[in-house]
Structures are given as structure tokens and as C-alpha cells.
């Protein structure tokens, strides 16, 4: 359990990356290979993945995504862009059930991010993206719909977990650009304390 805890602590939502560390198609395929081994409702396996590792494709996807717009900090900062993306898609010809696929997308995203953390990488789940433009970038059939974008790269920012006070949960950055993430205390999560 100690190793899993350490891995979970490394697995933060990074919004700043070391652009000198690039990823390859093979790196991304290795992450998707682990997802392939994960659970799937009814074993339908409706998820498909679009891989972007070449600089032009990465910048194109970056231009149509939003990283924590609530911070109004213009993230990621220039020179700290991710060096890869994986777009998790649902093949509607395999399964048009978006309710069960919602859970599968979460499983896939967490698997990718934990595997990335194990390799010294980091990432960010991005739900705010221009759907029509990303479909155009991917050039996939109409039956393949994007569900979630994952940014990936070598983390280049400091993230600190802090205890939440009451219901004050929004993340924030200080004047040194350190990212703080309030977390509820264990006793606040257990219903039968």
C-alpha cells in the first residue's frame, strides 16, 4: 500500500511541463497498452485513442484546450507546454451507451496517469476542449466521439496538497506560481465515524 500511496502522491494534475523531455508514439502506445488490460463494462471495450506526440499536432491540440480557466493564469505558461496528448474517444458503433462509458473513460484516464507517474511523467485530464476542432484534427469517422483529452509530459511545477478548511476546496497558486490543492480530511469523508 505504501508504493501505491507514493504513486498517487506523484499523480497530480500538472499544468507545467519540461518541454525538453519529449514523448514518442511508442511511449504513448505503452500507456494505452495498460488501459487495454483494464476493466470494461460488459467487456465491450468501446474506447479508442488518438495519440499526438509530434510538436505540430501537440500545439494544435493545445490551442483548443483549456487548462484551469478558473485560475485566470494563462496556463500552461509559455515554454511549459505538454509534449504529448492522448484523446480518449468512444466508438459509438461498438457501444452508444454514454453512461457506462463515462466510467470507462475515468478508468482509462486514471490508468494512463498512474502509469505516466510511475515513469516520472505527469499529466492532466482536460474536459474543456473544442469538440468540433478536435474531431477535425483527428480525422476519425463520425462514429468516434472524443470524451477526454489527457496532456502528458515531464512535470515542471510544484504542487502541494493542503488540508481543506470547511468547504474551501478551489485550487489556487501563490505569488511564486506554486499550485495548492486543498483536500478534505479523512474524518470528513467517512460517513460512519
N, C-alpha and C. Protein backbone atom coordinates (compact mmCIF):
# COMPACT_ATOMS: atom_id res chain seq x y z
N UNK A 1 0.83 -1.19 0.00
CA UNK A 1 0.00 0.00 0.00
C UNK A 1 0.87 1.26 0.00
N UNK A 2 2.06 1.16 0.59
CA UNK A 2 2.95 2.32 0.63
C UNK A 2 3.35 2.76 -0.78
N UNK A 3 3.67 1.77 -1.65
CA UNK A 3 4.07 2.10 -3.02
C UNK A 3 2.93 2.75 -3.78
N UNK A 4 1.71 2.26 -3.58
CA UNK A 4 0.55 2.85 -4.26
C UNK A 4 0.32 4.27 -3.76
N UNK A 5 0.45 4.50 -2.46
CA UNK A 5 0.29 5.85 -1.90
C UNK A 5 1.31 6.82 -2.52
N UNK A 6 2.56 6.37 -2.63
CA UNK A 6 3.59 7.22 -3.22
C UNK A 6 3.28 7.54 -4.69
N UNK A 7 2.80 6.55 -5.40
CA UNK A 7 2.42 6.75 -6.80
C UNK A 7 1.26 7.74 -6.91
N UNK A 8 0.28 7.60 -6.05
CA UNK A 8 -0.87 8.52 -6.06
C UNK A 8 -0.44 9.95 -5.73
N UNK A 9 0.52 10.10 -4.83
CA UNK A 9 1.01 11.44 -4.49
C UNK A 9 1.78 12.07 -5.65
N UNK A 10 2.42 11.25 -6.47
CA UNK A 10 3.13 11.76 -7.66
C UNK A 10 2.14 12.13 -8.76
N UNK A 11 0.98 11.50 -8.75
CA UNK A 11 -0.01 11.67 -9.80
C UNK A 11 -0.88 12.90 -9.51
N UNK A 12 -0.38 14.06 -9.86
CA UNK A 12 -1.09 15.32 -9.67
C UNK A 12 -1.58 15.81 -11.03
N UNK A 13 -2.39 16.84 -11.04
CA UNK A 13 -2.85 17.46 -12.28
C UNK A 13 -1.87 18.56 -12.66
N UNK A 14 -0.91 18.20 -13.49
CA UNK A 14 0.16 19.14 -13.85
C UNK A 14 -0.27 20.06 -14.99
N UNK A 15 0.11 21.32 -14.84
CA UNK A 15 -0.18 22.33 -15.86
C UNK A 15 1.09 23.01 -16.36
N UNK A 16 2.25 22.46 -15.99
CA UNK A 16 3.54 22.97 -16.43
C UNK A 16 4.49 21.81 -16.67
N UNK A 17 5.16 21.82 -17.84
CA UNK A 17 6.00 20.69 -18.25
C UNK A 17 7.36 21.15 -18.75
N UNK A 18 8.32 20.25 -18.68
CA UNK A 18 9.65 20.48 -19.21
C UNK A 18 9.62 20.10 -20.69
N UNK A 19 9.63 21.09 -21.56
CA UNK A 19 9.48 20.84 -22.99
C UNK A 19 10.69 20.13 -23.61
N UNK A 20 11.80 20.07 -22.89
CA UNK A 20 12.97 19.37 -23.44
C UNK A 20 12.81 17.86 -23.36
N UNK A 21 11.85 17.39 -22.58
CA UNK A 21 11.60 15.95 -22.46
C UNK A 21 10.39 15.60 -23.33
N UNK A 22 10.66 14.98 -24.46
CA UNK A 22 9.59 14.65 -25.39
C UNK A 22 9.19 13.19 -25.25
N UNK A 23 7.99 12.91 -25.71
CA UNK A 23 7.49 11.54 -25.71
C UNK A 23 7.38 11.06 -27.15
N UNK A 24 7.40 9.76 -27.32
CA UNK A 24 7.31 9.16 -28.65
C UNK A 24 5.98 8.43 -28.79
N UNK A 25 5.68 8.05 -30.00
CA UNK A 25 4.48 7.24 -30.22
C UNK A 25 4.55 5.96 -29.38
N UNK A 26 5.74 5.35 -29.33
CA UNK A 26 5.90 4.11 -28.54
C UNK A 26 5.58 4.35 -27.07
N UNK A 27 6.03 5.48 -26.51
CA UNK A 27 5.71 5.82 -25.12
C UNK A 27 4.19 5.84 -24.90
N UNK A 28 3.49 6.48 -25.82
CA UNK A 28 2.03 6.60 -25.70
C UNK A 28 1.35 5.25 -25.90
N UNK A 29 1.85 4.47 -26.83
CA UNK A 29 1.29 3.13 -27.05
C UNK A 29 1.45 2.27 -25.80
N UNK A 30 2.56 2.41 -25.10
CA UNK A 30 2.77 1.64 -23.86
C UNK A 30 1.74 2.01 -22.81
N UNK A 31 1.36 3.28 -22.74
CA UNK A 31 0.34 3.70 -21.79
C UNK A 31 -1.02 3.13 -22.17
N UNK A 32 -1.36 3.17 -23.45
CA UNK A 32 -2.64 2.63 -23.91
C UNK A 32 -2.67 1.11 -23.76
N UNK A 33 -1.54 0.46 -23.90
CA UNK A 33 -1.48 -0.99 -23.70
C UNK A 33 -1.95 -1.37 -22.30
N UNK A 34 -1.59 -0.56 -21.31
CA UNK A 34 -2.03 -0.84 -19.93
C UNK A 34 -3.54 -0.64 -19.79
N UNK A 35 -4.09 0.35 -20.49
CA UNK A 35 -5.54 0.56 -20.47
C UNK A 35 -6.24 -0.64 -21.09
N UNK A 36 -5.66 -1.17 -22.14
CA UNK A 36 -6.24 -2.33 -22.83
C UNK A 36 -6.46 -3.50 -21.88
N UNK A 37 -5.65 -3.58 -20.84
CA UNK A 37 -5.74 -4.66 -19.86
C UNK A 37 -6.73 -4.38 -18.75
N UNK A 38 -7.28 -3.16 -18.72
CA UNK A 38 -8.20 -2.74 -17.65
C UNK A 38 -9.62 -3.25 -17.89
N UNK A 39 -10.45 -3.05 -16.88
CA UNK A 39 -11.84 -3.48 -16.92
C UNK A 39 -12.64 -2.70 -17.96
N UNK A 40 -13.68 -3.36 -18.48
CA UNK A 40 -14.61 -2.72 -19.42
C UNK A 40 -16.00 -3.29 -19.16
N UNK A 41 -17.00 -2.42 -19.03
CA UNK A 41 -18.37 -2.86 -18.75
C UNK A 41 -18.85 -3.81 -19.84
N UNK A 42 -19.26 -4.99 -19.44
CA UNK A 42 -19.73 -5.99 -20.40
C UNK A 42 -18.65 -6.42 -21.37
N UNK A 43 -17.43 -6.05 -21.10
CA UNK A 43 -16.27 -6.32 -21.94
C UNK A 43 -16.48 -5.85 -23.39
N UNK A 44 -17.23 -4.75 -23.53
CA UNK A 44 -17.49 -4.20 -24.88
C UNK A 44 -16.27 -3.47 -25.44
N UNK A 45 -15.45 -2.86 -24.58
CA UNK A 45 -14.22 -2.16 -24.98
C UNK A 45 -14.49 -1.12 -26.08
N UNK A 46 -15.34 -0.13 -25.79
CA UNK A 46 -15.71 0.85 -26.80
C UNK A 46 -14.74 2.03 -26.95
N UNK A 47 -13.70 2.07 -26.15
CA UNK A 47 -12.80 3.22 -26.20
C UNK A 47 -11.71 3.05 -27.26
N UNK A 48 -11.41 4.17 -27.91
CA UNK A 48 -10.32 4.24 -28.88
C UNK A 48 -9.47 5.45 -28.49
N UNK A 49 -8.25 5.51 -28.99
CA UNK A 49 -7.31 6.53 -28.53
C UNK A 49 -6.61 7.21 -29.70
N UNK A 50 -6.56 8.52 -29.65
CA UNK A 50 -5.81 9.30 -30.64
C UNK A 50 -4.53 9.76 -29.96
N UNK A 51 -3.38 9.47 -30.56
CA UNK A 51 -2.08 9.79 -29.98
C UNK A 51 -1.46 10.98 -30.69
N UNK A 52 -1.00 11.95 -29.93
CA UNK A 52 -0.31 13.12 -30.50
C UNK A 52 1.00 13.32 -29.77
N UNK A 53 2.11 13.22 -30.49
CA UNK A 53 3.43 13.40 -29.90
C UNK A 53 4.31 14.33 -30.75
N UNK A 54 3.95 14.51 -32.01
CA UNK A 54 4.72 15.41 -32.87
C UNK A 54 4.35 16.85 -32.53
N UNK A 55 5.34 17.72 -32.50
CA UNK A 55 5.18 19.08 -31.99
C UNK A 55 3.99 19.82 -32.62
N UNK A 56 3.85 19.73 -33.92
CA UNK A 56 2.76 20.45 -34.60
C UNK A 56 1.39 19.97 -34.12
N UNK A 57 1.21 18.66 -34.01
CA UNK A 57 -0.06 18.10 -33.55
C UNK A 57 -0.32 18.47 -32.09
N UNK A 58 0.73 18.44 -31.28
CA UNK A 58 0.60 18.79 -29.86
C UNK A 58 0.16 20.25 -29.72
N UNK A 59 0.80 21.15 -30.45
CA UNK A 59 0.45 22.57 -30.38
C UNK A 59 -0.96 22.83 -30.90
N UNK A 60 -1.37 22.07 -31.91
CA UNK A 60 -2.72 22.23 -32.45
C UNK A 60 -3.77 21.83 -31.41
N UNK A 61 -3.55 20.72 -30.74
CA UNK A 61 -4.49 20.30 -29.69
C UNK A 61 -4.43 21.27 -28.52
N UNK A 62 -3.24 21.70 -28.14
CA UNK A 62 -3.10 22.66 -27.04
C UNK A 62 -3.94 23.91 -27.30
N UNK A 63 -3.98 24.35 -28.55
CA UNK A 63 -4.69 25.59 -28.89
C UNK A 63 -6.20 25.50 -28.72
N UNK A 64 -6.74 24.28 -28.62
CA UNK A 64 -8.19 24.13 -28.50
C UNK A 64 -8.61 23.52 -27.15
N UNK A 65 -7.69 23.54 -26.18
CA UNK A 65 -7.99 23.05 -24.84
C UNK A 65 -7.86 24.18 -23.83
N UNK A 66 -8.45 23.97 -22.65
CA UNK A 66 -8.33 24.95 -21.58
C UNK A 66 -7.79 24.27 -20.32
N UNK A 67 -6.72 24.85 -19.77
CA UNK A 67 -6.09 24.34 -18.55
C UNK A 67 -6.49 25.23 -17.38
N UNK A 68 -7.39 24.79 -16.54
CA UNK A 68 -7.78 25.51 -15.33
C UNK A 68 -8.14 26.97 -15.60
N UNK A 69 -9.18 27.22 -16.40
CA UNK A 69 -9.53 28.61 -16.69
C UNK A 69 -9.93 29.39 -15.45
N UNK A 70 -10.35 28.70 -14.39
CA UNK A 70 -10.75 29.41 -13.16
C UNK A 70 -9.58 30.15 -12.51
N UNK A 71 -8.35 29.72 -12.79
CA UNK A 71 -7.18 30.39 -12.22
C UNK A 71 -6.85 31.69 -12.95
N UNK A 72 -7.31 31.82 -14.17
CA UNK A 72 -7.02 33.01 -15.00
C UNK A 72 -5.51 33.30 -15.03
N UNK A 73 -4.72 32.25 -15.10
CA UNK A 73 -3.27 32.41 -15.05
C UNK A 73 -2.59 32.15 -16.40
N UNK A 74 -3.39 31.93 -17.44
CA UNK A 74 -2.81 31.67 -18.74
C UNK A 74 -1.97 30.41 -18.78
N UNK A 75 -2.53 29.32 -18.27
CA UNK A 75 -1.80 28.06 -18.19
C UNK A 75 -2.06 27.20 -19.42
N UNK A 76 -1.08 26.43 -19.86
CA UNK A 76 0.28 26.39 -19.35
C UNK A 76 1.06 27.63 -19.81
N UNK A 77 2.04 28.02 -19.00
CA UNK A 77 2.87 29.17 -19.34
C UNK A 77 3.71 28.85 -20.58
N UNK A 78 4.07 29.89 -21.30
CA UNK A 78 4.94 29.73 -22.47
C UNK A 78 6.23 29.03 -22.04
N UNK A 79 6.64 28.03 -22.83
CA UNK A 79 7.85 27.27 -22.50
C UNK A 79 7.60 26.11 -21.56
N UNK A 80 6.33 25.91 -21.14
CA UNK A 80 5.99 24.81 -20.22
C UNK A 80 4.81 23.99 -20.75
N UNK A 81 4.77 23.85 -22.07
CA UNK A 81 3.68 23.11 -22.69
C UNK A 81 3.87 21.61 -22.55
N UNK A 82 2.76 20.84 -22.57
CA UNK A 82 2.90 19.39 -22.59
C UNK A 82 3.58 18.97 -23.89
N UNK A 83 4.16 17.79 -23.89
CA UNK A 83 4.85 17.33 -25.11
C UNK A 83 4.09 16.19 -25.79
N UNK A 84 2.92 15.85 -25.27
CA UNK A 84 2.09 14.81 -25.90
C UNK A 84 0.65 14.94 -25.39
N UNK A 85 -0.24 14.34 -26.16
CA UNK A 85 -1.65 14.24 -25.75
C UNK A 85 -2.16 12.86 -26.12
N UNK A 86 -3.08 12.36 -25.32
CA UNK A 86 -3.89 11.20 -25.69
C UNK A 86 -5.34 11.66 -25.60
N UNK A 87 -6.08 11.47 -26.70
CA UNK A 87 -7.50 11.80 -26.70
C UNK A 87 -8.26 10.48 -26.54
N UNK A 88 -9.04 10.38 -25.49
CA UNK A 88 -9.85 9.19 -25.25
C UNK A 88 -11.18 9.39 -25.96
N UNK A 89 -11.52 8.44 -26.83
CA UNK A 89 -12.73 8.54 -27.64
C UNK A 89 -13.63 7.32 -27.41
N UNK A 90 -14.89 7.49 -27.74
CA UNK A 90 -15.85 6.40 -27.68
C UNK A 90 -16.28 6.05 -29.10
N UNK A 91 -16.15 4.78 -29.44
CA UNK A 91 -16.62 4.30 -30.74
C UNK A 91 -18.09 3.94 -30.58
N UNK A 92 -18.96 4.80 -31.10
CA UNK A 92 -20.40 4.63 -30.92
C UNK A 92 -20.93 3.41 -31.67
N UNK A 93 -20.18 2.88 -32.62
CA UNK A 93 -20.62 1.65 -33.30
C UNK A 93 -20.44 0.44 -32.40
N UNK A 94 -19.51 0.53 -31.47
CA UNK A 94 -19.31 -0.58 -30.52
C UNK A 94 -20.32 -0.47 -29.39
N UNK A 95 -20.48 0.74 -28.85
CA UNK A 95 -21.45 0.98 -27.79
C UNK A 95 -21.84 2.45 -27.79
N UNK A 96 -23.15 2.70 -27.88
CA UNK A 96 -23.65 4.07 -27.85
C UNK A 96 -24.06 4.47 -26.44
N UNK A 97 -23.85 3.60 -25.47
CA UNK A 97 -24.21 3.87 -24.08
C UNK A 97 -23.17 4.80 -23.46
N UNK A 98 -23.51 6.07 -23.35
CA UNK A 98 -22.55 7.03 -22.80
C UNK A 98 -22.48 6.95 -21.28
N UNK A 99 -23.51 6.44 -20.62
CA UNK A 99 -23.49 6.34 -19.15
C UNK A 99 -22.42 5.38 -18.67
N UNK A 100 -22.41 4.16 -19.19
CA UNK A 100 -21.40 3.19 -18.73
C UNK A 100 -20.02 3.57 -19.24
N UNK A 101 -19.95 4.18 -20.42
CA UNK A 101 -18.66 4.56 -20.97
C UNK A 101 -18.03 5.68 -20.15
N UNK A 102 -18.84 6.50 -19.52
CA UNK A 102 -18.35 7.57 -18.65
C UNK A 102 -17.39 6.99 -17.60
N UNK A 103 -17.75 5.85 -17.01
CA UNK A 103 -16.89 5.21 -16.01
C UNK A 103 -15.64 4.64 -16.64
N UNK A 104 -15.78 4.08 -17.83
CA UNK A 104 -14.63 3.50 -18.52
C UNK A 104 -13.61 4.58 -18.88
N UNK A 105 -14.09 5.75 -19.25
CA UNK A 105 -13.18 6.86 -19.55
C UNK A 105 -12.38 7.22 -18.30
N UNK A 106 -13.04 7.24 -17.15
CA UNK A 106 -12.34 7.52 -15.89
C UNK A 106 -11.29 6.47 -15.57
N UNK A 107 -11.64 5.21 -15.76
CA UNK A 107 -10.68 4.13 -15.52
C UNK A 107 -9.49 4.26 -16.46
N UNK A 108 -9.76 4.53 -17.73
CA UNK A 108 -8.69 4.67 -18.71
C UNK A 108 -7.78 5.85 -18.37
N UNK A 109 -8.38 6.98 -18.04
CA UNK A 109 -7.59 8.18 -17.73
C UNK A 109 -6.71 7.95 -16.49
N UNK A 110 -7.28 7.38 -15.45
CA UNK A 110 -6.50 7.14 -14.23
C UNK A 110 -5.39 6.13 -14.49
N UNK A 111 -5.67 5.12 -15.30
CA UNK A 111 -4.63 4.13 -15.64
C UNK A 111 -3.48 4.80 -16.38
N UNK A 112 -3.81 5.64 -17.36
CA UNK A 112 -2.78 6.35 -18.12
C UNK A 112 -1.95 7.24 -17.21
N UNK A 113 -2.61 7.98 -16.33
CA UNK A 113 -1.89 8.93 -15.48
C UNK A 113 -1.05 8.23 -14.41
N UNK A 114 -1.54 7.14 -13.86
CA UNK A 114 -0.73 6.40 -12.88
C UNK A 114 0.48 5.77 -13.56
N UNK A 115 0.28 5.23 -14.75
CA UNK A 115 1.41 4.65 -15.49
C UNK A 115 2.42 5.74 -15.85
N UNK A 116 1.93 6.92 -16.22
CA UNK A 116 2.83 8.04 -16.52
C UNK A 116 3.62 8.43 -15.28
N UNK A 117 2.94 8.52 -14.14
CA UNK A 117 3.62 8.89 -12.88
C UNK A 117 4.69 7.88 -12.53
N UNK A 118 4.41 6.61 -12.77
CA UNK A 118 5.38 5.57 -12.48
C UNK A 118 6.65 5.75 -13.32
N UNK A 119 6.52 6.37 -14.48
CA UNK A 119 7.65 6.60 -15.39
C UNK A 119 8.29 7.98 -15.19
N UNK A 120 7.86 8.70 -14.14
CA UNK A 120 8.42 10.03 -13.89
C UNK A 120 7.78 11.12 -14.73
N UNK A 121 6.66 10.79 -15.35
CA UNK A 121 5.92 11.76 -16.16
C UNK A 121 4.71 12.24 -15.38
N UNK A 122 3.98 13.15 -15.97
CA UNK A 122 2.77 13.65 -15.35
C UNK A 122 1.78 14.03 -16.42
N UNK A 123 0.58 14.34 -15.98
CA UNK A 123 -0.44 14.69 -16.95
C UNK A 123 -1.59 15.46 -16.35
N UNK A 124 -2.57 15.70 -17.19
CA UNK A 124 -3.75 16.47 -16.80
C UNK A 124 -4.94 15.99 -17.61
N UNK A 125 -6.04 15.67 -16.94
CA UNK A 125 -7.29 15.36 -17.62
C UNK A 125 -7.93 16.68 -18.02
N UNK A 126 -8.31 16.81 -19.28
CA UNK A 126 -8.90 18.05 -19.78
C UNK A 126 -10.27 17.75 -20.38
N UNK A 127 -11.28 18.31 -19.76
CA UNK A 127 -12.64 18.15 -20.27
C UNK A 127 -13.09 19.34 -21.09
N UNK A 128 -12.36 20.45 -20.98
CA UNK A 128 -12.71 21.66 -21.72
C UNK A 128 -11.90 21.74 -23.01
N UNK A 129 -12.51 21.34 -24.11
CA UNK A 129 -11.85 21.39 -25.41
C UNK A 129 -12.91 21.62 -26.48
N UNK A 130 -12.47 22.13 -27.62
CA UNK A 130 -13.37 22.38 -28.74
C UNK A 130 -13.59 21.06 -29.46
N UNK A 131 -14.77 20.50 -29.26
CA UNK A 131 -15.10 19.17 -29.77
C UNK A 131 -14.99 19.10 -31.30
N UNK A 132 -15.58 20.06 -32.00
CA UNK A 132 -15.57 20.02 -33.46
C UNK A 132 -14.14 20.11 -34.01
N UNK A 133 -13.34 21.00 -33.41
CA UNK A 133 -11.97 21.15 -33.90
C UNK A 133 -11.13 19.92 -33.62
N UNK A 134 -11.34 19.27 -32.48
CA UNK A 134 -10.53 18.09 -32.18
C UNK A 134 -10.92 16.93 -33.10
N UNK A 135 -12.20 16.86 -33.46
CA UNK A 135 -12.63 15.84 -34.43
C UNK A 135 -11.94 16.09 -35.77
N UNK A 136 -11.86 17.37 -36.16
CA UNK A 136 -11.17 17.72 -37.39
C UNK A 136 -9.69 17.36 -37.36
N UNK A 137 -9.05 17.58 -36.23
CA UNK A 137 -7.63 17.24 -36.09
C UNK A 137 -7.43 15.73 -36.20
N UNK A 138 -8.29 14.98 -35.52
CA UNK A 138 -8.14 13.52 -35.50
C UNK A 138 -8.47 12.90 -36.85
N UNK A 139 -9.42 13.48 -37.56
CA UNK A 139 -9.82 12.91 -38.85
C UNK A 139 -10.43 11.53 -38.73
N UNK A 140 -11.11 11.27 -37.61
CA UNK A 140 -11.70 9.96 -37.37
C UNK A 140 -13.13 9.92 -37.91
N UNK A 141 -13.69 8.72 -38.07
CA UNK A 141 -15.08 8.59 -38.54
C UNK A 141 -16.05 9.29 -37.58
N UNK A 142 -17.21 9.64 -38.08
CA UNK A 142 -18.23 10.33 -37.27
C UNK A 142 -18.67 9.51 -36.08
N UNK A 143 -18.52 8.19 -36.15
CA UNK A 143 -18.95 7.32 -35.05
C UNK A 143 -17.98 7.35 -33.87
N UNK A 144 -16.82 7.98 -34.04
CA UNK A 144 -15.82 8.06 -32.96
C UNK A 144 -15.89 9.45 -32.35
N UNK A 145 -16.32 9.51 -31.08
CA UNK A 145 -16.53 10.79 -30.41
C UNK A 145 -15.52 11.01 -29.29
N UNK A 146 -14.86 12.18 -29.27
CA UNK A 146 -13.89 12.46 -28.20
C UNK A 146 -14.60 12.65 -26.86
N UNK A 147 -14.05 12.07 -25.82
CA UNK A 147 -14.63 12.18 -24.47
C UNK A 147 -13.74 12.94 -23.51
N UNK A 148 -12.42 12.77 -23.62
CA UNK A 148 -11.49 13.40 -22.67
C UNK A 148 -10.12 13.53 -23.33
N UNK A 149 -9.45 14.63 -23.04
CA UNK A 149 -8.09 14.85 -23.54
C UNK A 149 -7.15 14.76 -22.36
N UNK A 150 -6.05 14.05 -22.54
CA UNK A 150 -5.03 13.96 -21.49
C UNK A 150 -3.74 14.57 -22.00
N UNK A 151 -3.28 15.61 -21.31
CA UNK A 151 -1.98 16.22 -21.61
C UNK A 151 -0.92 15.41 -20.87
N UNK A 152 0.25 15.25 -21.48
CA UNK A 152 1.33 14.47 -20.87
C UNK A 152 2.67 15.14 -21.08
N UNK A 153 3.58 14.89 -20.17
CA UNK A 153 4.94 15.38 -20.28
C UNK A 153 5.69 15.20 -18.97
N UNK A 154 6.90 15.72 -18.92
CA UNK A 154 7.71 15.70 -17.70
C UNK A 154 7.29 16.90 -16.85
N UNK A 155 6.74 16.68 -15.64
CA UNK A 155 6.29 17.81 -14.82
C UNK A 155 7.40 18.82 -14.54
N UNK A 156 7.02 20.08 -14.59
CA UNK A 156 7.94 21.17 -14.27
C UNK A 156 7.20 22.25 -13.50
N UNK A 157 6.66 21.86 -12.38
CA UNK A 157 5.99 22.78 -11.47
C UNK A 157 5.85 22.11 -10.11
N UNK A 158 5.66 22.92 -9.10
CA UNK A 158 5.49 22.39 -7.74
C UNK A 158 4.01 22.40 -7.39
N UNK A 159 3.56 21.24 -6.89
CA UNK A 159 2.17 21.11 -6.45
C UNK A 159 2.19 20.64 -5.00
N UNK A 160 1.43 21.30 -4.16
CA UNK A 160 1.36 20.93 -2.75
C UNK A 160 -0.09 20.63 -2.36
N UNK A 161 -0.26 19.50 -1.67
CA UNK A 161 -1.56 19.17 -1.10
C UNK A 161 -1.65 19.81 0.27
N UNK A 162 -2.80 20.41 0.58
CA UNK A 162 -3.03 21.02 1.88
C UNK A 162 -4.39 20.57 2.39
N UNK A 163 -4.57 20.60 3.71
CA UNK A 163 -5.87 20.26 4.28
C UNK A 163 -6.88 21.34 3.94
N UNK A 164 -8.06 20.91 3.54
CA UNK A 164 -9.13 21.85 3.23
C UNK A 164 -9.70 22.39 4.53
N UNK A 165 -10.12 23.62 4.49
CA UNK A 165 -10.80 24.22 5.63
C UNK A 165 -12.26 24.39 5.24
N UNK A 166 -13.15 23.75 6.01
CA UNK A 166 -14.58 23.76 5.72
C UNK A 166 -14.80 23.28 4.29
N UNK A 167 -15.50 24.05 3.50
CA UNK A 167 -15.75 23.67 2.11
C UNK A 167 -14.95 24.53 1.15
N UNK A 168 -13.80 25.04 1.60
CA UNK A 168 -12.93 25.85 0.77
C UNK A 168 -12.03 24.92 -0.05
N UNK A 169 -12.54 24.49 -1.22
CA UNK A 169 -11.85 23.47 -2.00
C UNK A 169 -11.19 23.93 -3.29
N UNK A 170 -11.45 25.14 -3.78
CA UNK A 170 -10.80 25.50 -5.05
C UNK A 170 -9.28 25.50 -4.94
N UNK A 171 -8.63 24.97 -6.00
CA UNK A 171 -7.17 25.03 -6.00
C UNK A 171 -6.75 26.45 -6.31
N UNK A 172 -5.50 26.77 -5.99
CA UNK A 172 -5.01 28.13 -6.18
C UNK A 172 -3.49 28.11 -6.34
N UNK A 173 -2.95 29.23 -6.78
CA UNK A 173 -1.50 29.40 -6.94
C UNK A 173 -1.06 30.60 -6.14
N UNK A 174 0.16 30.51 -5.57
CA UNK A 174 0.69 31.65 -4.83
C UNK A 174 1.53 32.53 -5.76
N UNK A 175 2.13 33.56 -5.20
CA UNK A 175 2.91 34.51 -6.00
C UNK A 175 4.15 33.89 -6.64
N UNK A 176 4.57 32.71 -6.14
CA UNK A 176 5.72 32.00 -6.71
C UNK A 176 5.28 30.94 -7.72
N UNK A 177 3.98 30.93 -8.05
CA UNK A 177 3.38 30.00 -9.01
C UNK A 177 3.35 28.56 -8.49
N UNK A 178 3.43 28.38 -7.16
CA UNK A 178 3.25 27.06 -6.56
C UNK A 178 1.75 26.77 -6.57
N UNK A 179 1.38 25.59 -6.99
CA UNK A 179 -0.02 25.19 -7.12
C UNK A 179 -0.45 24.45 -5.84
N UNK A 180 -1.51 24.90 -5.20
CA UNK A 180 -2.01 24.29 -3.96
C UNK A 180 -3.35 23.61 -4.24
N UNK A 181 -3.49 22.39 -3.69
CA UNK A 181 -4.70 21.61 -3.87
C UNK A 181 -5.25 21.22 -2.50
N UNK A 182 -6.33 21.90 -2.04
CA UNK A 182 -6.94 21.52 -0.76
C UNK A 182 -7.62 20.15 -0.85
N UNK A 183 -7.41 19.33 0.15
CA UNK A 183 -8.02 18.00 0.22
C UNK A 183 -8.79 17.88 1.54
N UNK A 184 -10.00 17.33 1.45
CA UNK A 184 -10.77 17.09 2.68
C UNK A 184 -10.01 16.10 3.56
N UNK A 185 -10.19 16.23 4.87
CA UNK A 185 -9.56 15.31 5.82
C UNK A 185 -10.30 13.98 5.81
N UNK A 186 -9.59 12.91 6.17
CA UNK A 186 -10.18 11.57 6.18
C UNK A 186 -11.44 11.52 7.01
N UNK A 187 -11.42 12.14 8.19
CA UNK A 187 -12.60 12.07 9.07
C UNK A 187 -13.80 12.78 8.47
N UNK A 188 -13.57 13.68 7.50
CA UNK A 188 -14.68 14.35 6.84
C UNK A 188 -15.27 13.51 5.71
N UNK A 189 -14.59 12.43 5.35
CA UNK A 189 -15.04 11.59 4.25
C UNK A 189 -15.81 10.36 4.71
N UNK A 190 -15.48 9.87 5.92
CA UNK A 190 -16.10 8.64 6.42
C UNK A 190 -17.45 8.97 7.02
N UNK A 191 -18.50 8.33 6.50
CA UNK A 191 -19.86 8.65 6.95
C UNK A 191 -20.19 8.09 8.33
N UNK A 192 -19.63 6.95 8.67
CA UNK A 192 -19.96 6.34 9.97
C UNK A 192 -18.80 6.47 10.95
N UNK A 193 -18.40 7.71 11.18
CA UNK A 193 -17.26 8.00 12.08
C UNK A 193 -17.64 7.77 13.53
